[in-house]
């Protein structure tokens, strides 16, 4: 008992001797990677994590080092308490080499969570699938070994375009698989082949984007099944005004800050522990179907 008492006293003195700048976040920190974090929804996710969760340290992923560093400076100057808790890392999710280099630059971890936010619209099927689907695959493959287990979290940023694509898909076999990914007997490997089969196809407007997000939701389901000790989900951020929607001429008016709600909730809320994962959630963080649109405020999807 005396030995335990002395150890407690020594631990207390150690705490008292810490520099005044040492914070609880430094002592007990959850590190989160956010791809595409230098602007739009990704930057808003970083800001919300830094402002609402003082135990979180953010790795802000950006294709360009300068833009990433600029975003870090802006967050540190505008978000109280963000200083020293956000770091820029270069990561181009369309490049195997870039993703691997980014993972190596982070050391051995541990990593609490990954937000796969980087995405594009309006490009060819090849480019769109390479970023929106295979980019997420690359990031998960490279960073997953660093995630804490059990309980590490992956949030894949989807879109209502995914379920809407499935709803309108006239290829019966593809529609069936995307609506019920667990029916894909070959798992993720077969899903990869489905995605690759569209390489070289002429782009038909938003179809490439919708397909990429439907495939992402299907991957989320299969990945969660294959990694039961992780919490893996996808979500729509909502109809948000970003460079993507502006360039597409879609007329979105909601600010990026509103799009951060569902991703951060899925990443940090304890209510997602102890329940099935691999689910798709709407921008209100309520469960939604894979094969039709569910609007914010509508009743939750109750399917399997």
Protein backbone atom coordinates (compact mmCIF):
# COMPACT_ATOMS: atom_id res chain seq x y z
CA UNK A 1 0.00 0.00 0.00
CA UNK A 2 2.85 2.39 0.90
CA UNK A 3 4.53 1.62 -2.42
CA UNK A 4 1.30 2.38 -4.31
CA UNK A 5 0.92 5.65 -2.37
CA UNK A 6 4.48 6.74 -3.24
CA UNK A 7 3.85 5.92 -6.92
CA UNK A 8 0.70 8.02 -6.90
CA UNK A 9 2.56 10.97 -5.33
CA UNK A 10 5.32 10.71 -7.95
CA UNK A 11 2.76 10.63 -10.75
CA UNK A 12 1.09 13.73 -9.32
CA UNK A 13 4.40 15.60 -9.16
CA UNK A 14 5.14 14.57 -12.76
CA UNK A 15 1.87 16.15 -13.86
CA UNK A 16 2.58 19.34 -11.92
CA UNK A 17 6.01 19.65 -13.53
CA UNK A 18 4.62 19.50 -17.09
CA UNK A 19 5.05 22.73 -19.08
CA UNK A 20 2.03 25.03 -18.99
CA UNK A 21 1.65 24.56 -22.76
CA UNK A 22 1.09 20.82 -22.37
CA UNK A 23 -2.59 20.06 -22.96
CA UNK A 24 -4.77 17.05 -22.28
CA UNK A 25 -5.04 16.66 -26.04
CA UNK A 26 -1.26 16.22 -26.20
CA UNK A 27 -1.30 13.69 -23.39
CA UNK A 28 -4.25 11.63 -24.64
CA UNK A 29 -4.90 12.29 -28.30
CA UNK A 30 -6.97 10.62 -31.00
CA UNK A 31 -5.30 11.11 -34.35
CA UNK A 32 -7.55 11.38 -37.40
CA UNK A 33 -6.62 11.53 -41.09
CA UNK A 34 -8.88 13.61 -43.36
CA UNK A 35 -8.17 13.34 -47.09
CA UNK A 36 -9.01 16.36 -49.22
CA UNK A 37 -8.79 18.37 -46.02
CA UNK A 38 -7.51 21.66 -47.40
CA UNK A 39 -10.89 23.00 -48.57
CA UNK A 40 -14.63 22.45 -48.71
CA UNK A 41 -16.20 19.68 -46.68
CA UNK A 42 -12.83 18.19 -45.75
CA UNK A 43 -11.61 21.43 -44.21
CA UNK A 44 -14.95 21.86 -42.42
CA UNK A 45 -14.56 18.36 -40.97
CA UNK A 46 -11.07 19.30 -39.74
CA UNK A 47 -12.41 22.50 -38.17
CA UNK A 48 -15.26 20.73 -36.40
CA UNK A 49 -12.97 18.05 -35.03
CA UNK A 50 -10.56 20.67 -33.72
CA UNK A 51 -13.25 22.86 -32.17
CA UNK A 52 -15.56 20.20 -30.69
CA UNK A 53 -13.09 17.49 -29.72
CA UNK A 54 -10.03 18.80 -27.85
CA UNK A 55 -8.60 15.28 -27.63
CA UNK A 56 -8.27 15.04 -31.43
CA UNK A 57 -5.18 15.71 -33.51
CA UNK A 58 -5.84 16.11 -37.25
CA UNK A 59 -3.69 14.99 -40.16
CA UNK A 60 -4.93 17.27 -42.93
CA UNK A 61 -4.40 15.51 -46.26
CA UNK A 62 -3.88 17.59 -49.39
CA UNK A 63 -2.50 16.87 -52.86
CA UNK A 64 -0.51 20.11 -52.75
CA UNK A 65 1.84 20.88 -49.85
CA UNK A 66 1.37 24.64 -50.15
CA UNK A 67 -2.42 24.49 -50.05
CA UNK A 68 -2.27 22.05 -47.16
CA UNK A 69 0.05 24.30 -45.16
CA UNK A 70 -2.16 27.31 -45.89
CA UNK A 71 -5.21 25.43 -44.62
CA UNK A 72 -3.35 24.50 -41.44
CA UNK A 73 -2.38 28.12 -40.80
CA UNK A 74 -5.97 29.23 -41.35
CA UNK A 75 -7.37 26.61 -38.98
CA UNK A 76 -4.83 27.43 -36.28
CA UNK A 77 -5.70 31.13 -36.52
CA UNK A 78 -9.49 30.72 -36.60
CA UNK A 79 -10.25 27.69 -34.41
CA UNK A 80 -9.55 28.31 -30.70
CA UNK A 81 -7.17 25.73 -29.28
CA UNK A 82 -6.19 24.31 -32.67
CA UNK A 83 -2.54 25.32 -32.40
CA UNK A 84 -0.23 22.31 -32.56
CA UNK A 85 -3.13 19.92 -33.16
CA UNK A 86 -3.28 19.93 -36.96
CA UNK A 87 -0.58 18.88 -39.40
CA UNK A 88 -0.54 18.93 -43.19
CA UNK A 89 0.48 15.80 -45.08
CA UNK A 90 0.77 15.43 -48.84
CA UNK A 91 -1.48 12.69 -50.22
CA UNK A 92 -2.80 12.23 -53.75
CA UNK A 93 -5.32 9.41 -53.47
CA UNK A 94 -5.06 8.65 -57.20
CA UNK A 95 -1.40 7.66 -56.76
CA UNK A 96 -0.22 4.44 -55.12
CA UNK A 97 3.18 5.99 -54.44
CA UNK A 98 1.77 9.15 -52.88
CA UNK A 99 -0.58 7.25 -50.57
CA UNK A 100 2.17 4.87 -49.45
CA UNK A 101 4.57 7.77 -48.85
CA UNK A 102 1.92 9.57 -46.79
CA UNK A 103 1.34 6.48 -44.69
CA UNK A 104 5.08 6.04 -44.13
CA UNK A 105 5.41 9.69 -43.07
CA UNK A 106 2.94 9.08 -40.23
CA UNK A 107 5.07 6.44 -38.51
CA UNK A 108 3.50 3.44 -36.84
CA UNK A 109 0.42 5.19 -35.46
CA UNK A 110 -1.77 4.60 -33.63
CA UNK A 111 -4.49 6.19 -35.73
CA UNK A 112 -8.00 6.58 -34.33
CA UNK A 113 -9.83 7.28 -37.57
CA UNK A 114 -9.76 7.96 -41.30
CA UNK A 115 -12.18 10.21 -43.18
CA UNK A 116 -12.06 9.42 -46.90
CA UNK A 117 -13.26 12.75 -48.23
CA UNK A 118 -11.20 13.36 -51.40
CA UNK A 119 -13.37 13.14 -54.49
CA UNK A 120 -13.97 14.51 -57.99
CA UNK A 121 -16.92 15.06 -60.34
CA UNK A 122 -17.28 15.69 -64.06
CA UNK A 123 -14.27 13.69 -65.25
CA UNK A 124 -14.10 10.47 -67.26
CA UNK A 125 -15.18 7.16 -65.77
CA UNK A 126 -11.47 6.30 -65.45
CA UNK A 127 -10.55 9.41 -63.44
CA UNK A 128 -13.72 9.44 -61.36
CA UNK A 129 -13.49 5.80 -60.34
CA UNK A 130 -9.74 6.07 -59.77
CA UNK A 131 -10.27 8.76 -57.12
CA UNK A 132 -13.75 8.17 -55.71
CA UNK A 133 -13.52 4.38 -55.46
CA UNK A 134 -9.96 3.14 -55.88
CA UNK A 135 -8.60 6.18 -54.02
CA UNK A 136 -10.51 5.06 -50.94
CA UNK A 137 -9.24 1.52 -51.45
CA UNK A 138 -5.65 2.80 -51.55
CA UNK A 139 -6.04 4.86 -48.39
CA UNK A 140 -7.67 2.02 -46.45
CA UNK A 141 -5.01 -0.47 -47.54
CA UNK A 142 -2.18 1.88 -46.54
CA UNK A 143 -3.52 3.36 -43.30
CA UNK A 144 -5.63 0.54 -41.90
CA UNK A 145 -2.65 -1.22 -40.24
CA UNK A 146 -2.18 1.94 -38.14
CA UNK A 147 -5.77 2.00 -36.84
CA UNK A 148 -6.43 1.14 -33.20
CA UNK A 149 -8.17 -2.19 -32.73
CA UNK A 150 -10.81 -2.73 -31.68
CA UNK A 151 -12.77 0.42 -32.37
CA UNK A 152 -10.80 2.31 -35.01
CA UNK A 153 -13.14 4.15 -37.35
CA UNK A 154 -13.36 4.71 -41.08
CA UNK A 155 -15.85 7.18 -42.55
CA UNK A 156 -16.27 7.17 -46.33
CA UNK A 157 -17.84 10.33 -47.71
CA UNK A 158 -20.49 9.25 -50.17
CA UNK A 159 -23.33 11.12 -51.81
CA UNK A 160 -27.04 10.84 -52.43
CA UNK A 161 -25.94 10.32 -56.04
CA UNK A 162 -25.00 6.76 -55.05
CA UNK A 163 -28.47 5.52 -54.04
CA UNK A 164 -30.02 7.56 -56.85
CA UNK A 165 -27.74 5.82 -59.36
CA UNK A 166 -28.79 2.43 -58.02
CA UNK A 167 -32.47 3.40 -58.17
CA UNK A 168 -32.17 4.33 -61.84
CA UNK A 169 -29.76 1.58 -62.88
CA UNK A 170 -31.21 -0.42 -65.80
CA UNK A 171 -28.57 -3.16 -65.66
CA UNK A 172 -30.47 -5.60 -63.46
CA UNK A 173 -27.46 -7.62 -62.26
CA UNK A 174 -25.46 -4.51 -61.35
CA UNK A 175 -28.43 -2.95 -59.60
CA UNK A 176 -28.98 -6.12 -57.57
CA UNK A 177 -25.36 -6.23 -56.45
CA UNK A 178 -25.16 -2.56 -55.53
CA UNK A 179 -28.45 -2.73 -53.63
CA UNK A 180 -27.30 -5.82 -51.70
CA UNK A 181 -23.48 -5.88 -51.65
CA UNK A 182 -23.37 -8.97 -49.43
CA UNK A 183 -24.74 -10.88 -52.42
CA UNK A 184 -21.47 -10.24 -54.27
CA UNK A 185 -19.91 -13.67 -53.85
CA UNK A 186 -16.42 -12.55 -54.83
CA UNK A 187 -16.41 -9.77 -52.24
CA UNK A 188 -14.21 -6.72 -52.66
CA UNK A 189 -12.14 -8.37 -55.41
CA UNK A 190 -15.26 -8.81 -57.54
CA UNK A 191 -16.35 -5.26 -56.76
CA UNK A 192 -12.95 -4.04 -58.00
CA UNK A 193 -13.52 -5.89 -61.28
CA UNK A 194 -16.95 -4.30 -61.66
CA UNK A 195 -15.33 -0.88 -61.26
CA UNK A 196 -12.53 -1.71 -63.72
CA UNK A 197 -15.06 -2.85 -66.33
CA UNK A 198 -16.08 0.81 -66.72
CA UNK A 199 -12.58 2.03 -67.53
CA UNK A 200 -12.54 3.43 -71.04
CA UNK A 201 -16.29 4.04 -71.10
CA UNK A 202 -17.35 7.44 -72.44
CA UNK A 203 -18.51 9.71 -69.64
CA UNK A 204 -22.25 10.35 -69.49
CA UNK A 205 -22.44 13.36 -67.22
CA UNK A 206 -23.11 12.47 -63.61
CA UNK A 207 -23.38 8.72 -64.20
CA UNK A 208 -19.67 8.23 -63.50
CA UNK A 209 -19.99 10.08 -60.20
CA UNK A 210 -23.16 8.25 -59.15
CA UNK A 211 -21.62 4.89 -60.03
CA UNK A 212 -18.45 5.71 -58.09
CA UNK A 213 -20.45 6.58 -54.97
CA UNK A 214 -22.67 3.49 -55.30
CA UNK A 215 -19.53 1.36 -55.54
CA UNK A 216 -18.12 3.18 -52.50
CA UNK A 217 -21.20 2.31 -50.46
CA UNK A 218 -20.95 -1.32 -51.57
CA UNK A 219 -17.27 -1.37 -50.61
CA UNK A 220 -18.17 0.03 -47.19
CA UNK A 221 -20.55 -2.89 -46.60
CA UNK A 222 -18.03 -5.53 -47.69
CA UNK A 223 -15.10 -3.88 -45.92
CA UNK A 224 -17.02 -3.72 -42.64
CA UNK A 225 -17.81 -7.42 -42.94
CA UNK A 226 -14.14 -8.24 -43.57
CA UNK A 227 -12.89 -6.01 -40.70
CA UNK A 228 -15.30 -6.67 -37.81
CA UNK A 229 -13.08 -5.01 -35.19
CA UNK A 230 -13.29 -1.65 -37.00
CA UNK A 231 -16.26 0.72 -37.24
CA UNK A 232 -16.68 1.35 -40.97
CA UNK A 233 -19.53 3.45 -42.37
CA UNK A 234 -20.33 5.83 -45.22
CA UNK A 235 -22.48 8.94 -45.35
CA UNK A 236 -23.77 11.73 -47.51
CA UNK A 237 -22.62 15.18 -46.36
CA UNK A 238 -25.67 16.75 -47.98
CA UNK A 239 -26.10 19.14 -50.89
CA UNK A 240 -23.16 21.40 -50.08
CA UNK A 241 -21.70 24.38 -51.91
CA UNK A 242 -18.14 23.31 -52.73
CA UNK A 243 -15.82 23.60 -55.72
CA UNK A 244 -17.24 20.27 -56.90
CA UNK A 245 -20.89 21.37 -56.93
CA UNK A 246 -20.03 24.86 -58.21
CA UNK A 247 -18.06 23.46 -61.17
CA UNK A 248 -20.90 21.04 -61.87
CA UNK A 249 -23.39 23.91 -61.92
CA UNK A 250 -25.60 22.14 -59.40
CA UNK A 251 -26.68 25.23 -57.47
CA UNK A 252 -25.98 23.95 -53.96
CA UNK A 253 -26.30 26.62 -51.27
CA UNK A 254 -25.55 24.86 -47.96
CA UNK A 255 -22.16 25.84 -46.50
CA UNK A 256 -19.37 23.26 -46.02
CA UNK A 257 -19.79 23.54 -42.24
CA UNK A 258 -23.19 21.88 -42.56
CA UNK A 259 -21.63 19.02 -44.51
CA UNK A 260 -19.29 18.22 -41.60
CA UNK A 261 -22.08 17.09 -39.28
CA UNK A 262 -22.61 13.49 -40.40
CA UNK A 263 -18.92 12.60 -40.96
CA UNK A 264 -17.88 13.91 -37.53
CA UNK A 265 -20.85 12.26 -35.83
CA UNK A 266 -19.99 8.89 -37.39
CA UNK A 267 -16.37 9.37 -36.42
CA UNK A 268 -16.78 10.48 -32.81
CA UNK A 269 -20.22 9.56 -31.44
CA UNK A 270 -20.27 6.57 -29.08
CA UNK A 271 -23.76 5.61 -30.31
CA UNK A 272 -22.14 3.90 -33.29
CA UNK A 273 -20.31 1.46 -31.02
CA UNK A 274 -21.84 -1.96 -30.48
CA UNK A 275 -24.17 -1.80 -33.48
CA UNK A 276 -23.73 -3.25 -36.99
CA UNK A 277 -21.39 -1.27 -39.23
CA UNK A 278 -21.04 -1.06 -42.98
CA UNK A 279 -24.08 1.18 -43.11
CA UNK A 280 -24.87 4.25 -45.18
CA UNK A 281 -26.15 7.37 -43.40
CA UNK A 282 -27.79 10.54 -44.65
CA UNK A 283 -26.56 14.06 -43.98
CA UNK A 284 -28.57 13.98 -40.73
CA UNK A 285 -26.52 10.94 -39.59
CA UNK A 286 -29.62 8.73 -39.85
CA UNK A 287 -29.42 5.34 -41.54
CA UNK A 288 -30.42 5.41 -45.21
CA UNK A 289 -30.97 2.79 -47.94
CA UNK A 290 -28.46 1.98 -50.67
CA UNK A 291 -30.99 1.87 -53.50
CA UNK A 292 -33.17 4.96 -53.14
CA UNK A 293 -32.97 8.49 -51.80
CA UNK A 294 -33.93 9.23 -48.20
CA UNK A 295 -34.21 12.92 -47.38
CA UNK A 296 -32.97 14.53 -44.14
CA UNK A 297 -35.68 14.24 -41.51
CA UNK A 298 -37.36 11.25 -43.16
CA UNK A 299 -37.80 8.08 -41.06
CA UNK A 300 -34.67 5.92 -40.78
CA UNK A 301 -34.14 2.94 -43.04
CA UNK A 302 -35.02 -0.21 -41.10
CA UNK A 303 -33.76 -2.87 -43.52
CA UNK A 304 -31.17 -5.57 -42.86
